[in-house]
Protein backbone atom coordinates (compact mmCIF):
# COMPACT_ATOMS: atom_id res chain seq x y z
CA MET A 1 -4.05 6.31 34.88
CA SER A 2 -0.62 4.38 34.46
CA ALA A 3 1.27 4.68 31.19
CA VAL A 4 1.37 1.24 28.91
CA ALA A 5 4.63 0.88 28.10
CA ILE A 6 5.85 0.03 25.01
CA LYS A 7 7.93 -2.99 23.99
CA LEU A 8 10.49 -1.72 21.35
CA ILE A 9 11.74 -4.23 18.98
CA THR A 10 15.14 -4.79 17.25
CA ALA A 11 16.24 -4.39 13.78
CA VAL A 12 16.52 -8.71 13.89
CA GLU A 13 13.13 -8.79 15.07
CA PHE A 14 11.74 -6.23 12.85
CA ALA A 15 13.08 -8.30 9.81
CA ARG A 16 10.77 -11.11 10.96
CA ILE A 17 7.41 -9.30 10.73
CA PRO A 18 5.91 -10.62 7.92
CA GLU A 19 4.75 -7.87 4.92
CA PRO A 20 1.10 -6.46 5.72
CA PHE A 21 -1.58 -7.54 3.75
CA ASP A 22 -3.06 -4.58 3.09
CA GLY A 23 -0.18 -3.50 1.06
CA SER A 24 1.30 -0.75 3.49
CA MET A 25 5.12 -0.55 4.53
CA LEU A 26 6.62 -0.74 7.72
CA GLU A 27 9.55 1.01 8.96
CA LEU A 28 11.12 0.71 12.48
CA VAL A 29 11.91 4.18 14.02
CA ARG A 30 13.59 3.94 17.79
CA GLY A 31 12.47 0.43 18.17
CA GLU A 32 8.63 1.01 17.45
CA VAL A 33 7.10 -0.58 14.20
CA ILE A 34 5.33 2.53 12.16
CA GLU A 35 2.97 2.02 9.41
CA LEU A 36 4.18 4.37 6.00
CA SER A 37 1.23 4.84 3.23
CA ARG A 38 2.14 3.03 -0.18
CA PRO A 39 3.51 5.22 -2.92
CA LYS A 40 1.61 6.43 -5.27
CA PRO A 41 2.14 6.22 -9.28
CA ARG A 42 4.08 9.33 -9.78
CA HIS A 43 6.27 8.55 -6.73
CA GLY A 44 7.02 5.32 -8.63
CA HIS A 45 7.21 7.17 -12.11
CA ILE A 46 10.46 9.49 -10.35
CA CYS A 47 11.45 6.88 -8.49
CA SER A 48 12.02 4.66 -12.18
CA LYS A 49 13.47 7.20 -14.05
CA ILE A 50 16.48 7.92 -11.32
CA ASP A 51 16.67 4.33 -10.75
CA ARG A 52 17.07 3.72 -14.75
CA ARG A 53 19.31 6.43 -14.93
CA LEU A 54 21.56 5.88 -11.89
CA GLY A 55 21.34 2.24 -12.45
CA THR A 56 22.31 2.37 -15.96
CA PHE A 57 25.74 4.39 -15.17
CA VAL A 58 26.77 2.66 -12.12
CA GLU A 59 26.55 -0.63 -14.03
CA LEU A 60 28.54 0.08 -16.79
CA HIS A 61 31.06 1.57 -14.94
CA ASN A 62 31.04 -1.08 -12.13
CA LEU A 63 30.61 1.01 -9.18
CA GLY A 64 28.53 -0.75 -6.95
CA TRP A 65 24.80 -1.65 -6.70
CA VAL A 66 21.69 0.82 -6.74
CA LEU A 67 19.02 -0.19 -4.64
CA SER A 68 15.08 0.36 -4.81
CA ASN A 69 11.66 -0.63 -3.11
CA ASP A 70 12.60 1.15 0.34
CA THR A 71 15.28 -1.70 0.69
CA GLY A 72 15.61 -1.52 4.67
CA VAL A 73 18.94 0.26 6.13
CA ILE A 74 19.86 0.46 9.72
CA VAL A 75 20.61 4.21 10.49
CA GLU A 76 20.18 3.58 14.58
CA ARG A 77 21.25 0.91 17.10
CA ASP A 78 19.99 0.77 21.05
CA PRO A 79 17.04 1.75 20.23
CA ASP A 80 17.03 0.39 16.73
CA THR A 81 15.72 2.30 13.45
CA VAL A 82 15.63 0.94 10.02
CA ARG A 83 14.47 3.01 7.44
CA GLY A 84 13.64 2.52 3.87
CA PRO A 85 15.25 4.98 1.40
CA ASP A 86 13.15 5.16 -2.30
CA LEU A 87 17.16 4.19 -3.76
CA CYS A 88 20.33 4.15 -2.68
CA PHE A 89 23.78 3.76 -3.63
CA TYR A 90 26.48 1.46 -2.35
CA SER A 91 30.03 1.40 -3.56
CA LEU A 92 32.23 -1.97 -4.20
CA GLU A 93 34.23 -0.79 -1.42
CA ARG A 94 31.84 -0.27 1.16
CA MET A 95 29.60 -3.49 0.41
CA PRO A 96 31.42 -5.79 -2.07
CA PHE A 97 28.31 -8.23 -1.94
CA LEU A 98 24.34 -7.74 -1.21
CA PRO A 99 24.05 -9.34 2.09
CA GLU A 100 20.60 -11.27 2.89
CA THR A 101 20.01 -9.08 6.00
CA TYR A 102 19.89 -5.25 6.50
CA SER A 103 23.04 -3.70 5.87
CA GLU A 104 24.71 -2.70 8.90
CA PHE A 105 26.78 -0.27 6.64
CA ALA A 106 24.79 3.00 5.61
CA PRO A 107 24.68 3.86 1.63
CA GLU A 108 26.92 6.54 0.32
CA LEU A 109 23.56 7.97 -1.42
CA ALA A 110 20.14 8.21 -0.43
CA VAL A 111 17.20 9.36 -2.23
CA GLU A 112 14.09 10.61 -1.45
CA VAL A 113 11.08 11.36 -3.48
CA LEU A 114 8.21 13.21 -1.07
CA SER A 115 4.70 12.21 -1.53
CA PRO A 116 2.28 14.05 -0.90
CA ASP A 117 1.42 13.08 2.24
CA ASP A 118 5.23 13.40 4.06
CA ARG A 119 5.28 16.14 6.50
CA MET A 120 8.68 18.10 6.20
CA THR A 121 9.48 17.51 9.81
CA GLU A 122 9.60 13.70 9.27
CA VAL A 123 11.62 14.40 5.82
CA ARG A 124 14.13 16.45 7.70
CA GLU A 125 14.35 13.47 10.53
CA LYS A 126 14.84 11.33 7.90
CA VAL A 127 17.62 13.42 6.64
CA ARG A 128 19.26 13.83 10.08
CA GLU A 129 19.75 10.26 10.71
CA TYR A 130 21.11 9.29 7.26
CA LEU A 131 23.58 11.74 8.07
CA ALA A 132 24.34 10.40 11.03
CA ALA A 133 24.39 7.06 9.61
CA GLY A 134 27.44 7.86 7.46
CA VAL A 135 25.34 8.79 4.49
CA LYS A 136 27.70 11.07 2.21
CA LEU A 137 25.25 12.25 -0.20
CA ILE A 138 21.22 12.82 -0.06
CA TRP A 139 18.84 13.76 -2.51
CA VAL A 140 15.26 14.98 -1.28
CA VAL A 141 13.38 15.34 -4.65
CA ASN A 142 10.29 17.17 -4.74
CA PRO A 143 7.77 16.48 -7.35
CA ASP A 144 5.59 19.60 -6.77
CA THR A 145 8.48 22.26 -7.10
CA LYS A 146 10.09 20.07 -9.68
CA SER A 147 13.56 20.92 -7.15
CA VAL A 148 16.12 18.68 -5.73
CA VAL A 149 17.47 19.20 -2.28
CA VAL A 150 21.06 18.17 -1.76
CA TYR A 151 22.32 17.72 1.20
CA SER A 152 26.36 16.31 1.84
CA GLY A 153 27.39 16.09 5.11
CA SER A 154 25.03 18.83 6.71
CA LEU A 155 21.87 19.31 7.07
CA LYS A 156 22.03 22.61 4.86
CA GLY A 157 20.98 21.67 1.53
CA ILE A 158 20.85 23.07 -1.34
CA GLU A 159 18.20 23.21 -3.70
CA TYR A 160 18.30 22.70 -7.67
CA GLY A 161 15.63 23.77 -10.18
CA PRO A 162 14.67 22.35 -13.37
CA ALA A 163 17.49 24.10 -15.25
CA ASP A 164 20.07 22.70 -12.95
CA THR A 165 22.01 19.88 -12.45
CA VAL A 166 23.20 17.19 -10.14
CA ASP A 167 26.07 15.20 -9.86
CA GLY A 168 27.27 12.23 -7.86
CA GLY A 169 30.23 14.38 -6.38
CA GLU A 170 32.63 12.26 -4.59
CA VAL A 171 30.42 9.38 -4.11
CA ILE A 172 29.57 8.61 -7.89
CA PRO A 173 32.25 10.19 -9.94
CA GLY A 174 30.99 11.41 -13.50
CA PHE A 175 27.21 11.11 -12.99
CA SER A 176 25.33 14.11 -13.62
CA LEU A 177 21.48 14.46 -14.17
CA ARG A 178 19.92 17.49 -15.34
CA VAL A 179 16.82 18.22 -12.35
CA SER A 180 14.27 18.34 -15.27
CA GLU A 181 14.70 14.94 -16.30
CA PHE A 182 13.87 13.32 -13.02
CA PHE A 183 10.26 14.33 -14.09
CA SER A 184 9.85 14.71 -17.75
């Protein structure tokens, strides 16, 4: 038996792939296209709540851009990896305008909202990739435990429960949100 070599593709080639007709989503992981399932309503609702609160704050203070809908971000090169955080924030300093292609710059904040079918090993891999790419702050939101794990510069996250408050730290100064508001 011989092994079949998989042809790896680049982020540029990945950007040319049309959206799947079945509504599934795609990411590029070390040159290979992987299929993700479409998020469920609870996931979308939580993303929407975070987006409204974070986006309003960012707009009012003219700090930059909050992007949603799993916007593609290049987190590795050779072979390329394009991930789609549920939400992310770019300061105007890092991204003074919105590009038409996947960003070559890592966002300052990446938010991942867990879905029932997410595997923790895969979530930790995304966190590792985000940190290695230069993401300064990562929120992993867990709807089942109503908690948020915050990563800032290392793989050692700090878990915050419903009564706690998370903030934007140096990434989004002045922003804070009680964890229970992510889920109410």
